[in-house]
Amino acid sequence: MLFKFKSKAAADLIMLAPDARRLLQIMLGHGTERGIIEVAQLPEVIARLEAAVKQDEAARQQVRENAISANPQPSGLAVDEAEVLDPVRLSQRAAPMVKMLKRCQAEESAVVWGV
């Protein structure tokens, strides 16, 4: 299933359901099939998403450091990061959404999906 996020301020953003639900959970606390992000909510939603990206990057760095300290190898790679974490970073999944949300904030336009 696909989610299509729409706004008058930006092009449509299409995502696979699991990725969209994950971002909606971060931004709004739920991953409903339909919804709207009002203009007044945009600053808080953007802040939540950016904070989650920073937290994900910090967790990835911690995994790397723990793996290296637990089993240092000459190559410097103690464990394949993909074995521990999703190989696609949250920052990669969230970047198009953040861009859309910031554009909507600048142009004072809501974001809708599932309509």
PDB file of N, CA and C in Angstrom:
ATOM      1  N   MET A   1       0.836  -1.172   0.000  1.00  0.00           N
ATOM      2  CA  MET A   1       0.000   0.000   0.000  1.00  0.00           C
ATOM      3  C   MET A   1       0.887   1.243   0.000  1.00  0.00           C
ATOM      4  N   LEU A   2       0.382   2.281  -0.621  1.00  0.00           N
ATOM      5  CA  LEU A   2       1.104   3.544  -0.702  1.00  0.00           C
ATOM      6  C   LEU A   2       0.360   4.632   0.054  1.00  0.00           C
ATOM      7  N   PHE A   3       1.133   5.567   0.566  1.00  0.00           N
ATOM      8  CA  PHE A   3       0.579   6.790   1.152  1.00  0.00           C
ATOM      9  C   PHE A   3       0.962   7.928   0.220  1.00  0.00           C
ATOM     10  N   LYS A   4       0.004   8.799  -0.070  1.00  0.00           N
ATOM     11  CA  LYS A   4       0.285   9.975  -0.892  1.00  0.00           C
ATOM     12  C   LYS A   4       0.006  11.211  -0.056  1.00  0.00           C
ATOM     13  N   PHE A   5       1.063  11.960   0.235  1.00  0.00           N
ATOM     14  CA  PHE A   5       0.949  13.205   0.988  1.00  0.00           C
ATOM     15  C   PHE A   5       0.790  14.337  -0.020  1.00  0.00           C
ATOM     16  N   LYS A   6      -0.202  15.200   0.224  1.00  0.00           N
ATOM     17  CA  LYS A   6      -0.519  16.271  -0.713  1.00  0.00           C
ATOM     18  C   LYS A   6      -0.537  17.620  -0.003  1.00  0.00           C
ATOM     19  N   SER A   7      -0.180  18.635  -0.761  1.00  0.00           N
ATOM     20  CA  SER A   7      -0.253  20.009  -0.282  1.00  0.00           C
ATOM     21  C   SER A   7      -0.279  20.943  -1.481  1.00  0.00           C
ATOM     22  N   LYS A   8      -0.868  22.107  -1.285  1.00  0.00           N
ATOM     23  CA  LYS A   8      -0.866  23.116  -2.352  1.00  0.00           C
ATOM     24  C   LYS A   8       0.518  23.728  -2.530  1.00  0.00           C
ATOM     25  N   ALA A   9       1.373  23.600  -1.521  1.00  0.00           N
ATOM     26  CA  ALA A   9       2.682  24.239  -1.536  1.00  0.00           C
ATOM     27  C   ALA A   9       3.787  23.370  -2.131  1.00  0.00           C
ATOM     28  N   ALA A  10       3.536  22.066  -2.296  1.00  0.00           N
ATOM     29  CA  ALA A  10       4.604  21.171  -2.746  1.00  0.00           C
ATOM     30  C   ALA A  10       4.035  20.059  -3.619  1.00  0.00           C
ATOM     31  N   ALA A  11       4.928  19.409  -4.333  1.00  0.00           N
ATOM     32  CA  ALA A  11       4.523  18.256  -5.138  1.00  0.00           C
ATOM     33  C   ALA A  11       4.104  17.118  -4.210  1.00  0.00           C
ATOM     34  N   ASP A  12       3.307  16.200  -4.723  1.00  0.00           N
ATOM     35  CA  ASP A  12       2.884  15.045  -3.943  1.00  0.00           C
ATOM     36  C   ASP A  12       4.098  14.222  -3.523  1.00  0.00           C
ATOM     37  N   LEU A  13       4.017  13.660  -2.339  1.00  0.00           N
ATOM     38  CA  LEU A  13       5.068  12.802  -1.814  1.00  0.00           C
ATOM     39  C   LEU A  13       4.453  11.423  -1.610  1.00  0.00           C
ATOM     40  N   ILE A  14       4.986  10.421  -2.303  1.00  0.00           N
ATOM     41  CA  ILE A  14       4.453   9.068  -2.236  1.00  0.00           C
ATOM     42  C   ILE A  14       5.443   8.185  -1.496  1.00  0.00           C
ATOM     43  N   MET A  15       4.932   7.431  -0.515  1.00  0.00           N
ATOM     44  CA  MET A  15       5.769   6.549   0.299  1.00  0.00           C
ATOM     45  C   MET A  15       5.090   5.199   0.469  1.00  0.00           C
ATOM     46  N   LEU A  16       5.895   4.175   0.670  1.00  0.00           N
ATOM     47  CA  LEU A  16       5.357   2.874   1.047  1.00  0.00           C
ATOM     48  C   LEU A  16       4.760   2.983   2.448  1.00  0.00           C
ATOM     49  N   ALA A  17       3.726   2.209   2.697  1.00  0.00           N
ATOM     50  CA  ALA A  17       2.982   2.300   3.957  1.00  0.00           C
ATOM     51  C   ALA A  17       3.853   2.146   5.205  1.00  0.00           C
ATOM     52  N   PRO A  18       4.762   1.159   5.282  1.00  0.00           N
ATOM     53  CA  PRO A  18       5.552   1.033   6.519  1.00  0.00           C
ATOM     54  C   PRO A  18       6.408   2.270   6.809  1.00  0.00           C
ATOM     55  N   ASP A  19       6.986   2.850   5.767  1.00  0.00           N
ATOM     56  CA  ASP A  19       7.810   4.044   5.964  1.00  0.00           C
ATOM     57  C   ASP A  19       6.957   5.245   6.353  1.00  0.00           C
ATOM     58  N   ALA A  20       5.821   5.401   5.687  1.00  0.00           N
ATOM     59  CA  ALA A  20       4.925   6.511   5.998  1.00  0.00           C
ATOM     60  C   ALA A  20       4.388   6.399   7.417  1.00  0.00           C
ATOM     61  N   ARG A  21       3.996   5.189   7.808  1.00  0.00           N
ATOM     62  CA  ARG A  21       3.471   5.001   9.169  1.00  0.00           C
ATOM     63  C   ARG A  21       4.541   5.309  10.214  1.00  0.00           C
ATOM     64  N   ARG A  22       5.773   4.912   9.938  1.00  0.00           N
ATOM     65  CA  ARG A  22       6.863   5.201  10.883  1.00  0.00           C
ATOM     66  C   ARG A  22       7.035   6.709  11.048  1.00  0.00           C
ATOM     67  N   LEU A  23       7.030   7.447   9.939  1.00  0.00           N
ATOM     68  CA  LEU A  23       7.187   8.898  10.028  1.00  0.00           C
ATOM     69  C   LEU A  23       5.978   9.540  10.705  1.00  0.00           C
ATOM     70  N   LEU A  24       4.783   9.067  10.390  1.00  0.00           N
ATOM     71  CA  LEU A  24       3.586   9.614  11.036  1.00  0.00           C
ATOM     72  C   LEU A  24       3.598   9.340  12.538  1.00  0.00           C
ATOM     73  N   GLN A  25       4.063   8.158  12.922  1.00  0.00           N
ATOM     74  CA  GLN A  25       4.165   7.823  14.351  1.00  0.00           C
ATOM     75  C   GLN A  25       5.104   8.801  15.049  1.00  0.00           C
ATOM     76  N   ILE A  26       6.218   9.104  14.412  1.00  0.00           N
ATOM     77  CA  ILE A  26       7.178  10.053  14.984  1.00  0.00           C
ATOM     78  C   ILE A  26       6.565  11.455  15.065  1.00  0.00           C
ATOM     79  N   MET A  27       5.929  11.874  13.986  1.00  0.00           N
ATOM     80  CA  MET A  27       5.432  13.246  13.901  1.00  0.00           C
ATOM     81  C   MET A  27       4.180  13.487  14.734  1.00  0.00           C
ATOM     82  N   LEU A  28       3.253  12.517  14.711  1.00  0.00           N
ATOM     83  CA  LEU A  28       1.936  12.743  15.302  1.00  0.00           C
ATOM     84  C   LEU A  28       1.560  11.771  16.409  1.00  0.00           C
ATOM     85  N   GLY A  29       2.321  10.697  16.547  1.00  0.00           N
ATOM     86  CA  GLY A  29       1.997   9.712  17.557  1.00  0.00           C
ATOM     87  C   GLY A  29       1.044   8.637  17.070  1.00  0.00           C
ATOM     88  N   HIS A  30       0.684   8.672  15.803  1.00  0.00           N
ATOM     89  CA  HIS A  30      -0.175   7.649  15.200  1.00  0.00           C
ATOM     90  C   HIS A  30       0.129   7.559  13.711  1.00  0.00           C
ATOM     91  N   GLY A  31      -0.253   6.446  13.109  1.00  0.00           N
ATOM     92  CA  GLY A  31      -0.002   6.236  11.688  1.00  0.00           C
ATOM     93  C   GLY A  31      -1.281   5.935  10.939  1.00  0.00           C
ATOM     94  N   THR A  32      -2.253   6.814  11.058  1.00  0.00           N
ATOM     95  CA  THR A  32      -3.569   6.576  10.477  1.00  0.00           C
ATOM     96  C   THR A  32      -3.544   6.642   8.951  1.00  0.00           C
ATOM     97  N   GLU A  33      -4.540   6.029   8.354  1.00  0.00           N
ATOM     98  CA  GLU A  33      -4.655   5.960   6.890  1.00  0.00           C
ATOM     99  C   GLU A  33      -4.985   7.319   6.272  1.00  0.00           C
ATOM    100  N   ARG A  34      -5.648   8.163   7.049  1.00  0.00           N
ATOM    101  CA  ARG A  34      -6.042   9.488   6.571  1.00  0.00           C
ATOM    102  C   ARG A  34      -5.691  10.519   7.621  1.00  0.00           C
ATOM    103  N   GLY A  35      -5.418  11.718   7.157  1.00  0.00           N
ATOM    104  CA  GLY A  35      -5.156  12.752   8.140  1.00  0.00           C
ATOM    105  C   GLY A  35      -4.758  14.073   7.526  1.00  0.00           C
ATOM    106  N   ILE A  36      -4.496  14.998   8.418  1.00  0.00           N
ATOM    107  CA  ILE A  36      -4.088  16.337   8.023  1.00  0.00           C
ATOM    108  C   ILE A  36      -3.123  16.881   9.062  1.00  0.00           C
ATOM    109  N   ILE A  37      -2.138  17.593   8.583  1.00  0.00           N
ATOM    110  CA  ILE A  37      -1.244  18.351   9.458  1.00  0.00           C
ATOM    111  C   ILE A  37      -1.551  19.818   9.174  1.00  0.00           C
ATOM    112  N   GLU A  38      -2.141  20.465  10.138  1.00  0.00           N
ATOM    113  CA  GLU A  38      -2.518  21.871   9.993  1.00  0.00           C
ATOM    114  C   GLU A  38      -1.269  22.760  10.037  1.00  0.00           C
ATOM    115  N   VAL A  39      -1.399  23.942   9.505  1.00  0.00           N
ATOM    116  CA  VAL A  39      -0.290  24.898   9.467  1.00  0.00           C
ATOM    117  C   VAL A  39       0.249  25.165  10.872  1.00  0.00           C
ATOM    118  N   ALA A  40      -0.632  25.286  11.839  1.00  0.00           N
ATOM    119  CA  ALA A  40      -0.211  25.567  13.218  1.00  0.00           C
ATOM    120  C   ALA A  40       0.613  24.425  13.810  1.00  0.00           C
ATOM    121  N   GLN A  41       0.434  23.201  13.322  1.00  0.00           N
ATOM    122  CA  GLN A  41       1.167  22.042  13.823  1.00  0.00           C
ATOM    123  C   GLN A  41       2.547  21.892  13.188  1.00  0.00           C
ATOM    124  N   LEU A  42       2.781  22.516  12.068  1.00  0.00           N
ATOM    125  CA  LEU A  42       4.000  22.287  11.297  1.00  0.00           C
ATOM    126  C   LEU A  42       5.293  22.497  12.082  1.00  0.00           C
ATOM    127  N   PRO A  43       5.468  23.589  12.837  1.00  0.00           N
ATOM    128  CA  PRO A  43       6.736  23.752  13.560  1.00  0.00           C
ATOM    129  C   PRO A  43       7.023  22.604  14.531  1.00  0.00           C
ATOM    130  N   GLU A  44       6.013  22.161  15.263  1.00  0.00           N
ATOM    131  CA  GLU A  44       6.198  21.067  16.220  1.00  0.00           C
ATOM    132  C   GLU A  44       6.483  19.749  15.501  1.00  0.00           C
ATOM    133  N   VAL A  45       5.782  19.492  14.424  1.00  0.00           N
ATOM    134  CA  VAL A  45       5.954  18.259  13.659  1.00  0.00           C
ATOM    135  C   VAL A  45       7.361  18.203  13.057  1.00  0.00           C
ATOM    136  N   ILE A  46       7.814  19.308  12.503  1.00  0.00           N
ATOM    137  CA  ILE A  46       9.164  19.370  11.932  1.00  0.00           C
ATOM    138  C   ILE A  46      10.203  19.133  13.027  1.00  0.00           C
ATOM    139  N   ALA A  47      10.015  19.762  14.172  1.00  0.00           N
ATOM    140  CA  ALA A  47      10.958  19.601  15.285  1.00  0.00           C
ATOM    141  C   ALA A  47      11.015  18.150  15.750  1.00  0.00           C
ATOM    142  N   ARG A  48       9.876  17.485  15.845  1.00  0.00           N
ATOM    143  CA  ARG A  48       9.849  16.075  16.263  1.00  0.00           C
ATOM    144  C   ARG A  48      10.602  15.190  15.271  1.00  0.00           C
ATOM    145  N   LEU A  49      10.371  15.437  14.004  1.00  0.00           N
ATOM    146  CA  LEU A  49      11.014  14.620  12.977  1.00  0.00           C
ATOM    147  C   LEU A  49      12.527  14.852  12.967  1.00  0.00           C
ATOM    148  N   GLU A  50      12.945  16.099  13.076  1.00  0.00           N
ATOM    149  CA  GLU A  50      14.379  16.397  13.107  1.00  0.00           C
ATOM    150  C   GLU A  50      15.040  15.821  14.363  1.00  0.00           C
ATOM    151  N   ALA A  51      14.355  15.864  15.487  1.00  0.00           N
ATOM    152  CA  ALA A  51      14.893  15.286  16.721  1.00  0.00           C
ATOM    153  C   ALA A  51      15.044  13.772  16.590  1.00  0.00           C
ATOM    154  N   ALA A  52      14.080  13.116  15.964  1.00  0.00           N
ATOM    155  CA  ALA A  52      14.151  11.672  15.762  1.00  0.00           C
ATOM    156  C   ALA A  52      15.312  11.297  14.848  1.00  0.00           C
ATOM    157  N   VAL A  53      15.565  12.113  13.843  1.00  0.00           N
ATOM    158  CA  VAL A  53      16.698  11.870  12.944  1.00  0.00           C
ATOM    159  C   VAL A  53      18.010  11.976  13.720  1.00  0.00           C
ATOM    160  N   LYS A  54      18.138  12.996  14.550  1.00  0.00           N
ATOM    161  CA  LYS A  54      19.351  13.150  15.366  1.00  0.00           C
ATOM    162  C   LYS A  54      19.523  11.977  16.322  1.00  0.00           C
ATOM    163  N   GLN A  55      18.432  11.527  16.910  1.00  0.00           N
ATOM    164  CA  GLN A  55      18.479  10.401  17.834  1.00  0.00           C
ATOM    165  C   GLN A  55      18.899   9.127  17.096  1.00  0.00           C
ATOM    166  N   ASP A  56      18.388   8.923  15.896  1.00  0.00           N
ATOM    167  CA  ASP A  56      18.751   7.757  15.100  1.00  0.00           C
ATOM    168  C   ASP A  56      20.237   7.783  14.748  1.00  0.00           C
ATOM    169  N   GLU A  57      20.746   8.936  14.369  1.00  0.00           N
ATOM    170  CA  GLU A  57      22.172   9.058  14.036  1.00  0.00           C
ATOM    171  C   GLU A  57      23.039   8.792  15.261  1.00  0.00           C
ATOM    172  N   ALA A  58      22.616   9.284  16.419  1.00  0.00           N
ATOM    173  CA  ALA A  58      23.369   9.034  17.655  1.00  0.00           C
ATOM    174  C   ALA A  58      23.365   7.550  18.001  1.00  0.00           C
ATOM    175  N   ALA A  59      22.241   6.882  17.804  1.00  0.00           N
ATOM    176  CA  ALA A  59      22.152   5.442  18.073  1.00  0.00           C
ATOM    177  C   ALA A  59      23.061   4.665  17.134  1.00  0.00           C
ATOM    178  N   ARG A  60      23.113   5.063  15.881  1.00  0.00           N
ATOM    179  CA  ARG A  60      23.990   4.404  14.911  1.00  0.00           C
ATOM    180  C   ARG A  60      25.457   4.579  15.309  1.00  0.00           C
ATOM    181  N   GLN A  61      25.800   5.776  15.736  1.00  0.00           N
ATOM    182  CA  GLN A  61      27.173   6.038  16.156  1.00  0.00           C
ATOM    183  C   GLN A  61      27.525   5.195  17.380  1.00  0.00           C
ATOM    184  N   GLN A  62      26.607   5.063  18.306  1.00  0.00           N
ATOM    185  CA  GLN A  62      26.838   4.260  19.509  1.00  0.00           C
ATOM    186  C   GLN A  62      27.044   2.792  19.151  1.00  0.00           C
ATOM    187  N   VAL A  63      26.257   2.280  18.217  1.00  0.00           N
ATOM    188  CA  VAL A  63      26.410   0.892  17.775  1.00  0.00           C
ATOM    189  C   VAL A  63      27.796   0.686  17.172  1.00  0.00           C
ATOM    190  N   ARG A  64      28.226   1.640  16.343  1.00  0.00           N
ATOM    191  CA  ARG A  64      29.572   1.545  15.745  1.00  0.00           C
ATOM    192  C   ARG A  64      30.646   1.532  16.819  1.00  0.00           C
ATOM    193  N   GLU A  65      30.549   2.454  17.763  1.00  0.00           N
ATOM    194  CA  GLU A  65      31.561   2.550  18.820  1.00  0.00           C
ATOM    195  C   GLU A  65      31.583   1.294  19.693  1.00  0.00           C
ATOM    196  N   ASN A  66      30.413   0.774  20.040  1.00  0.00           N
ATOM    197  CA  ASN A  66      30.344  -0.440  20.856  1.00  0.00           C
ATOM    198  C   ASN A  66      30.928  -1.636  20.110  1.00  0.00           C
ATOM    199  N   ALA A  67      30.636  -1.733  18.833  1.00  0.00           N
ATOM    200  CA  ALA A  67      31.140  -2.853  18.039  1.00  0.00           C
ATOM    201  C   ALA A  67      32.656  -2.789  17.910  1.00  0.00           C
ATOM    202  N   ILE A  68      33.188  -1.615  17.704  1.00  0.00           N
ATOM    203  CA  ILE A  68      34.638  -1.464  17.552  1.00  0.00           C
ATOM    204  C   ILE A  68      35.344  -1.743  18.868  1.00  0.00           C
ATOM    205  N   SER A  69      34.811  -1.247  19.966  1.00  0.00           N
ATOM    206  CA  SER A  69      35.472  -1.473  21.255  1.00  0.00           C
ATOM    207  C   SER A  69      35.353  -2.926  21.709  1.00  0.00           C
ATOM    208  N   ALA A  70      34.281  -3.610  21.309  1.00  0.00           N
ATOM    209  CA  ALA A  70      34.085  -5.005  21.715  1.00  0.00           C
ATOM    210  C   ALA A  70      34.979  -5.962  20.934  1.00  0.00           C
ATOM    211  N   ASN A  71      35.258  -5.634  19.701  1.00  0.00           N
ATOM    212  CA  ASN A  71      36.015  -6.551  18.858  1.00  0.00           C
ATOM    213  C   ASN A  71      36.771  -5.779  17.789  1.00  0.00           C
ATOM    214  N   PRO A  72      37.815  -5.054  18.151  1.00  0.00           N
ATOM    215  CA  PRO A  72      38.548  -4.285  17.148  1.00  0.00           C
ATOM    216  C   PRO A  72      39.255  -5.205  16.151  1.00  0.00           C
ATOM    217  N   GLN A  73      39.170  -4.863  14.910  1.00  0.00           N
ATOM    218  CA  GLN A  73      39.844  -5.596  13.849  1.00  0.00           C
ATOM    219  C   GLN A  73      40.731  -4.627  13.089  1.00  0.00           C
ATOM    220  N   PRO A  74      41.733  -5.113  12.416  1.00  0.00           N
ATOM    221  CA  PRO A  74      42.632  -4.224  11.688  1.00  0.00           C
ATOM    222  C   PRO A  74      41.924  -3.329  10.681  1.00  0.00           C
ATOM    223  N   SER A  75      40.857  -3.830  10.094  1.00  0.00           N
ATOM    224  CA  SER A  75      40.149  -3.018   9.103  1.00  0.00           C
ATOM    225  C   SER A  75      39.361  -1.890   9.754  1.00  0.00           C
ATOM    226  N   GLY A  76      39.152  -1.976  11.066  1.00  0.00           N
ATOM    227  CA  GLY A  76      38.381  -0.961  11.769  1.00  0.00           C
ATOM    228  C   GLY A  76      36.893  -1.246  11.780  1.00  0.00           C
ATOM    229  N   LEU A  77      36.471  -2.299  11.099  1.00  0.00           N
ATOM    230  CA  LEU A  77      35.062  -2.664  11.062  1.00  0.00           C
ATOM    231  C   LEU A  77      34.847  -3.915  11.892  1.00  0.00           C
ATOM    232  N   ALA A  78      34.206  -3.762  13.006  1.00  0.00           N
ATOM    233  CA  ALA A  78      34.006  -4.882  13.901  1.00  0.00           C
ATOM    234  C   ALA A  78      32.743  -5.668  13.571  1.00  0.00           C
ATOM    235  N   VAL A  79      31.756  -4.983  13.071  1.00  0.00           N
ATOM    236  CA  VAL A  79      30.488  -5.632  12.759  1.00  0.00           C
ATOM    237  C   VAL A  79      29.839  -4.862  11.614  1.00  0.00           C
ATOM    238  N   ASP A  80      29.141  -5.566  10.804  1.00  0.00           N
ATOM    239  CA  ASP A  80      28.410  -4.928   9.724  1.00  0.00           C
ATOM    240  C   ASP A  80      27.232  -4.173  10.323  1.00  0.00           C
ATOM    241  N   GLU A  81      27.204  -2.877  10.136  1.00  0.00           N
ATOM    242  CA  GLU A  81      26.153  -2.042  10.728  1.00  0.00           C
ATOM    243  C   GLU A  81      24.761  -2.473  10.268  1.00  0.00           C
ATOM    244  N   ALA A  82      24.667  -2.971   9.044  1.00  0.00           N
ATOM    245  CA  ALA A  82      23.376  -3.391   8.510  1.00  0.00           C
ATOM    246  C   ALA A  82      22.811  -4.585   9.273  1.00  0.00           C
ATOM    247  N   GLU A  83      23.669  -5.372   9.926  1.00  0.00           N
ATOM    248  CA  GLU A  83      23.187  -6.503  10.707  1.00  0.00           C
ATOM    249  C   GLU A  83      22.450  -6.040  11.963  1.00  0.00           C
ATOM    250  N   VAL A  84      22.761  -4.845  12.441  1.00  0.00           N
ATOM    251  CA  VAL A  84      22.214  -4.347  13.691  1.00  0.00           C
ATOM    252  C   VAL A  84      21.087  -3.337  13.457  1.00  0.00           C
ATOM    253  N   LEU A  85      21.253  -2.469  12.475  1.00  0.00           N
ATOM    254  CA  LEU A  85      20.292  -1.395  12.225  1.00  0.00           C
ATOM    255  C   LEU A  85      19.749  -1.475  10.802  1.00  0.00           C
ATOM    256  N   ASP A  86      18.613  -0.823  10.590  1.00  0.00           N
ATOM    257  CA  ASP A  86      18.042  -0.715   9.247  1.00  0.00           C
ATOM    258  C   ASP A  86      19.103  -0.097   8.335  1.00  0.00           C
ATOM    259  N   PRO A  87      19.382  -0.696   7.198  1.00  0.00           N
ATOM    260  CA  PRO A  87      20.422  -0.154   6.324  1.00  0.00           C
ATOM    261  C   PRO A  87      20.078   1.220   5.746  1.00  0.00           C
ATOM    262  N   VAL A  88      18.797   1.556   5.712  1.00  0.00           N
ATOM    263  CA  VAL A  88      18.392   2.882   5.241  1.00  0.00           C
ATOM    264  C   VAL A  88      18.184   3.756   6.466  1.00  0.00           C
ATOM    265  N   ARG A  89      18.938   4.826   6.533  1.00  0.00           N
ATOM    266  CA  ARG A  89      18.871   5.729   7.684  1.00  0.00           C
ATOM    267  C   ARG A  89      17.521   6.449   7.740  1.00  0.00           C
ATOM    268  N   LEU A  90      17.124   6.787   8.943  1.00  0.00           N
ATOM    269  CA  LEU A  90      15.902   7.565   9.116  1.00  0.00           C
ATOM    270  C   LEU A  90      16.041   8.906   8.395  1.00  0.00           C
ATOM    271  N   SER A  91      17.236   9.462   8.402  1.00  0.00           N
ATOM    272  CA  SER A  91      17.447  10.749   7.727  1.00  0.00           C
ATOM    273  C   SER A  91      17.138  10.644   6.231  1.00  0.00           C
ATOM    274  N   GLN A  92      17.437   9.505   5.631  1.00  0.00           N
ATOM    275  CA  GLN A  92      17.144   9.310   4.211  1.00  0.00           C
ATOM    276  C   GLN A  92      15.648   9.200   3.969  1.00  0.00           C
ATOM    277  N   ARG A  93      14.961   8.518   4.855  1.00  0.00           N
ATOM    278  CA  ARG A  93      13.513   8.356   4.703  1.00  0.00           C
ATOM    279  C   ARG A  93      12.781   9.672   5.010  1.00  0.00           C
ATOM    280  N   ALA A  94      13.293  10.422   5.961  1.00  0.00           N
ATOM    281  CA  ALA A  94      12.608  11.629   6.420  1.00  0.00           C
ATOM    282  C   ALA A  94      12.907  12.869   5.575  1.00  0.00           C
ATOM    283  N   ALA A  95      14.012  12.884   4.860  1.00  0.00           N
ATOM    284  CA  ALA A  95      14.424  14.084   4.127  1.00  0.00           C
ATOM    285  C   ALA A  95      13.336  14.641   3.200  1.00  0.00           C
ATOM    286  N   PRO A  96      12.698  13.822   2.369  1.00  0.00           N
ATOM    287  CA  PRO A  96      11.647  14.391   1.510  1.00  0.00           C
ATOM    288  C   PRO A  96      10.475  14.969   2.306  1.00  0.00           C
ATOM    289  N   MET A  97      10.136  14.315   3.420  1.00  0.00           N
ATOM    290  CA  MET A  97       9.035  14.797   4.252  1.00  0.00           C
ATOM    291  C   MET A  97       9.401  16.119   4.915  1.00  0.00           C
ATOM    292  N   VAL A  98      10.606  16.222   5.438  1.00  0.00           N
ATOM    293  CA  VAL A  98      11.055  17.465   6.073  1.00  0.00           C
ATOM    294  C   VAL A  98      11.027  18.602   5.054  1.00  0.00           C
ATOM    295  N   LYS A  99      11.507  18.319   3.857  1.00  0.00           N
ATOM    296  CA  LYS A  99      11.511  19.341   2.803  1.00  0.00           C
ATOM    297  C   LYS A  99      10.079  19.798   2.491  1.00  0.00           C
ATOM    298  N   MET A 100       9.170  18.837   2.377  1.00  0.00           N
ATOM    299  CA  MET A 100       7.775  19.176   2.102  1.00  0.00           C
ATOM    300  C   MET A 100       7.178  19.996   3.244  1.00  0.00           C
ATOM    301  N   LEU A 101       7.409  19.561   4.479  1.00  0.00           N
ATOM    302  CA  LEU A 101       6.849  20.262   5.634  1.00  0.00           C
ATOM    303  C   LEU A 101       7.377  21.689   5.743  1.00  0.00           C
ATOM    304  N   LYS A 102       8.660  21.877   5.493  1.00  0.00           N
ATOM    305  CA  LYS A 102       9.238  23.230   5.567  1.00  0.00           C
ATOM    306  C   LYS A 102       8.679  24.124   4.472  1.00  0.00           C
ATOM    307  N   ARG A 103       8.494  23.559   3.307  1.00  0.00           N
ATOM    308  CA  ARG A 103       7.898  24.345   2.217  1.00  0.00           C
ATOM    309  C   ARG A 103       6.457  24.726   2.573  1.00  0.00           C
ATOM    310  N   CYS A 104       5.734  23.781   3.144  1.00  0.00           N
ATOM    311  CA  CYS A 104       4.350  24.054   3.553  1.00  0.00           C
ATOM    312  C   CYS A 104       4.297  25.109   4.652  1.00  0.00           C
ATOM    313  N   GLN A 105       5.260  25.052   5.556  1.00  0.00           N
ATOM    314  CA  GLN A 105       5.320  26.048   6.622  1.00  0.00           C
ATOM    315  C   GLN A 105       5.571  27.430   6.032  1.00  0.00           C
ATOM    316  N   ALA A 106       6.499  27.519   5.089  1.00  0.00           N
ATOM    317  CA  ALA A 106       6.816  28.806   4.472  1.00  0.00           C
ATOM    318  C   ALA A 106       5.630  29.383   3.708  1.00  0.00           C
ATOM    319  N   GLU A 107       4.861  28.520   3.087  1.00  0.00           N
ATOM    320  CA  GLU A 107       3.726  28.986   2.289  1.00  0.00           C
ATOM    321  C   GLU A 107       2.376  28.859   3.015  1.00  0.00           C
ATOM    322  N   GLU A 108       2.452  28.494   4.306  1.00  0.00           N
ATOM    323  CA  GLU A 108       1.266  28.365   5.144  1.00  0.00           C
ATOM    324  C   GLU A 108       0.192  27.495   4.486  1.00  0.00           C
ATOM    325  N   SER A 109       0.594  26.267   4.231  1.00  0.00           N
ATOM    326  CA  SER A 109      -0.303  25.306   3.588  1.00  0.00           C
ATOM    327  C   SER A 109      -0.302  24.002   4.385  1.00  0.00           C
ATOM    328  N   ALA A 110      -1.448  23.406   4.561  1.00  0.00           N
ATOM    329  CA  ALA A 110      -1.580  22.148   5.294  1.00  0.00           C
ATOM    330  C   ALA A 110      -1.126  20.980   4.421  1.00  0.00           C
ATOM    331  N   VAL A 111      -0.870  19.852   5.079  1.00  0.00           N
ATOM    332  CA  VAL A 111      -0.515  18.599   4.391  1.00  0.00           C
ATOM    333  C   VAL A 111      -1.632  17.601   4.698  1.00  0.00           C
ATOM    334  N   VAL A 112      -2.118  16.919   3.659  1.00  0.00           N
ATOM    335  CA  VAL A 112      -3.155  15.908   3.836  1.00  0.00           C
ATOM    336  C   VAL A 112      -2.691  14.601   3.211  1.00  0.00           C
ATOM    337  N   TRP A 113      -3.282  13.486   3.668  1.00  0.00           N
ATOM    338  CA  TRP A 113      -3.017  12.192   3.056  1.00  0.00           C
ATOM    339  C   TRP A 113      -4.259  11.321   3.203  1.00  0.00           C
ATOM    340  N   GLY A 114      -4.396  10.365   2.292  1.00  0.00           N
ATOM    341  CA  GLY A 114      -5.496   9.426   2.349  1.00  0.00           C
ATOM    342  C   GLY A 114      -6.827   9.984   1.898  1.00  0.00           C
ATOM    343  N   VAL A 115      -6.798  11.097   1.196  1.00  0.00           N
ATOM    344  CA  VAL A 115      -8.059  11.697   0.731  1.00  0.00           C
ATOM    345  C   VAL A 115      -8.157  11.630  -0.780  1.00  0.00           C
TER     346      VAL A 115
END
